[in-house]
């Protein structure tokens, strides 16, 4: 597992139902953000996500996303940070300057990783030995 910054204390987030999405009142904010991303060459690298909680996570837990390209599905589940094999962060949460812990994470803890994404070989249904697809009755189609 890579060195990830997920065990730092997290301020509570609103539940999805209560979280406010982007609206017309955010136009100036979005323009400014696009300008900063473009200036740093990151316009096609980063975007926005709506920070929210569906359920609480303990300090020693992390949300992990896996995918199955064949079935075109995504799945998110909770894993213990010290036992996860998933190490590529895909969502980050900015930490206000006053809340940063000295020496925690990059630049004194400017962000926390809030979602890790699996590498393709860890996806459900993926095998190293390319198996022939099975038929509906479970028999090999080869």
Protein backbone atom coordinates (compact mmCIF):
# COMPACT_ATOMS: atom_id res chain seq x y z
CA UNK A 1 0.00 0.00 0.00
CA UNK A 2 1.25 3.50 -0.79
CA UNK A 3 1.67 6.12 1.91
CA UNK A 4 -1.78 7.66 2.05
CA UNK A 5 -3.12 10.46 4.22
CA UNK A 6 -6.52 9.14 5.23
CA UNK A 7 -6.15 8.73 8.98
CA UNK A 8 -6.12 12.43 9.82
CA UNK A 9 -9.25 13.61 11.65
CA UNK A 10 -12.06 14.51 9.28
CA UNK A 11 -14.64 17.21 9.79
CA UNK A 12 -18.15 15.88 9.21
CA UNK A 13 -19.66 16.33 5.77
CA UNK A 14 -23.32 16.81 4.93
CA UNK A 15 -25.36 13.81 3.88
CA UNK A 16 -25.83 13.55 0.12
CA UNK A 17 -29.45 14.63 0.39
CA UNK A 18 -28.40 17.84 2.19
CA UNK A 19 -25.29 18.72 0.13
CA UNK A 20 -25.76 21.68 -2.20
CA UNK A 21 -24.56 21.20 -5.76
CA UNK A 22 -23.23 23.85 -8.13
CA UNK A 23 -25.65 26.55 -9.16
CA UNK A 24 -25.75 29.94 -10.86
CA UNK A 25 -24.41 31.57 -7.68
CA UNK A 26 -21.15 29.64 -8.20
CA UNK A 27 -20.36 31.02 -11.68
CA UNK A 28 -17.54 33.33 -10.52
CA UNK A 29 -16.04 30.60 -8.33
CA UNK A 30 -16.04 28.13 -11.24
CA UNK A 31 -14.47 30.70 -13.60
CA UNK A 32 -11.71 31.37 -11.05
CA UNK A 33 -11.12 27.66 -10.50
CA UNK A 34 -10.94 26.98 -14.24
CA UNK A 35 -8.43 29.83 -14.59
CA UNK A 36 -6.20 28.39 -11.83
CA UNK A 37 -6.39 24.85 -13.23
CA UNK A 38 -5.57 26.10 -16.74
CA UNK A 39 -2.66 28.24 -15.47
CA UNK A 40 -1.12 25.13 -13.88
CA UNK A 41 -1.82 22.82 -16.83
CA UNK A 42 -4.37 20.79 -14.87
CA UNK A 43 -7.63 21.60 -16.66
CA UNK A 44 -7.88 18.08 -18.13
CA UNK A 45 -6.55 16.43 -14.96
CA UNK A 46 -8.80 17.63 -12.13
CA UNK A 47 -12.44 18.61 -11.75
CA UNK A 48 -14.97 18.97 -8.95
CA UNK A 49 -16.93 16.50 -6.89
CA UNK A 50 -19.67 17.16 -4.37
CA UNK A 51 -18.28 16.38 -0.93
CA UNK A 52 -20.83 14.41 1.05
CA UNK A 53 -21.26 11.38 3.29
CA UNK A 54 -23.57 8.44 2.84
CA UNK A 55 -22.39 6.90 6.13
CA UNK A 56 -19.66 7.65 8.67
CA UNK A 57 -16.13 6.28 8.34
CA UNK A 58 -13.84 5.57 11.29
CA UNK A 59 -10.40 7.22 11.35
CA UNK A 60 -8.82 3.90 10.31
CA UNK A 61 -11.15 3.34 7.33
CA UNK A 62 -11.14 4.54 3.75
CA UNK A 63 -13.68 4.42 0.94
CA UNK A 64 -12.42 2.37 -2.01
CA UNK A 65 -13.81 2.38 -5.54
CA UNK A 66 -13.52 -0.67 -7.79
CA UNK A 67 -14.74 -1.07 -11.33
CA UNK A 68 -15.58 -3.77 -13.79
CA UNK A 69 -15.09 -2.41 -17.31
CA UNK A 70 -16.75 -5.46 -18.88
CA UNK A 71 -19.94 -5.01 -16.88
CA UNK A 72 -19.55 -1.20 -16.92
CA UNK A 73 -20.08 -0.92 -13.18
CA UNK A 74 -18.51 0.97 -10.28
CA UNK A 75 -18.62 -0.15 -6.66
CA UNK A 76 -17.56 1.72 -3.53
CA UNK A 77 -16.90 -0.05 -0.25
CA UNK A 78 -15.08 0.53 3.04
CA UNK A 79 -11.69 -1.00 3.85
CA UNK A 80 -9.28 -0.65 6.76
CA UNK A 81 -6.47 1.72 5.75
CA UNK A 82 -3.76 -0.62 7.02
CA UNK A 83 -5.11 -3.58 5.03
CA UNK A 84 -6.21 -2.08 1.72
CA UNK A 85 -4.30 -3.00 -1.42
CA UNK A 86 -5.82 -0.01 -3.22
CA UNK A 87 -3.40 2.87 -3.24
CA UNK A 88 -4.24 5.31 -6.03
CA UNK A 89 -6.24 8.24 -4.71
CA UNK A 90 -8.97 9.55 -6.99
CA UNK A 91 -10.67 12.15 -4.76
CA UNK A 92 -9.16 14.64 -2.36
CA UNK A 93 -10.58 17.03 0.18
CA UNK A 94 -8.88 20.37 0.83
CA UNK A 95 -8.02 21.12 4.43
CA UNK A 96 -8.37 24.75 5.58
CA UNK A 97 -5.05 26.24 6.67
CA UNK A 98 -6.15 26.52 10.31
CA UNK A 99 -7.04 22.81 10.43
CA UNK A 100 -3.76 21.52 8.95
CA UNK A 101 -1.55 19.35 11.10
CA UNK A 102 2.14 20.10 10.83
CA UNK A 103 3.94 17.45 8.81
CA UNK A 104 0.81 15.46 7.87
CA UNK A 105 0.57 14.86 4.16
CA UNK A 106 2.00 17.03 1.43
CA UNK A 107 2.70 20.68 2.24
CA UNK A 108 1.68 20.28 5.87
CA UNK A 109 -1.59 18.52 5.10
CA UNK A 110 -3.14 20.78 2.44
CA UNK A 111 -5.46 17.93 1.45
CA UNK A 112 -6.78 14.56 2.56
CA UNK A 113 -7.37 11.60 0.26
CA UNK A 114 -11.01 10.65 0.63
CA UNK A 115 -11.45 7.99 -2.06
CA UNK A 116 -8.97 5.42 -3.30
CA UNK A 117 -9.36 3.73 -6.64
CA UNK A 118 -8.38 0.20 -7.47
CA UNK A 119 -5.87 -0.63 -10.13
CA UNK A 120 -7.36 -2.66 -12.96
CA UNK A 121 -5.87 -5.98 -11.83
CA UNK A 122 -7.78 -5.74 -8.54
CA UNK A 123 -11.17 -5.27 -10.18
CA UNK A 124 -13.89 -7.79 -9.39
CA UNK A 125 -14.08 -10.42 -12.10
CA UNK A 126 -10.60 -9.65 -13.44
CA UNK A 127 -8.17 -12.57 -13.65
CA UNK A 128 -4.56 -12.75 -14.74
CA UNK A 129 -5.22 -15.84 -16.84
CA UNK A 130 -7.60 -14.58 -19.50
CA UNK A 131 -10.48 -17.02 -19.15
CA UNK A 132 -12.91 -17.67 -21.93
CA UNK A 133 -16.27 -16.03 -21.23
CA UNK A 134 -18.85 -18.34 -19.76
CA UNK A 135 -22.31 -18.98 -21.08
CA UNK A 136 -25.49 -18.36 -19.11
CA UNK A 137 -25.37 -21.87 -17.61
CA UNK A 138 -21.78 -21.29 -16.37
CA UNK A 139 -20.07 -23.51 -18.95
CA UNK A 140 -17.02 -22.18 -20.78
CA UNK A 141 -17.80 -20.66 -24.15
CA UNK A 142 -14.53 -21.85 -25.74
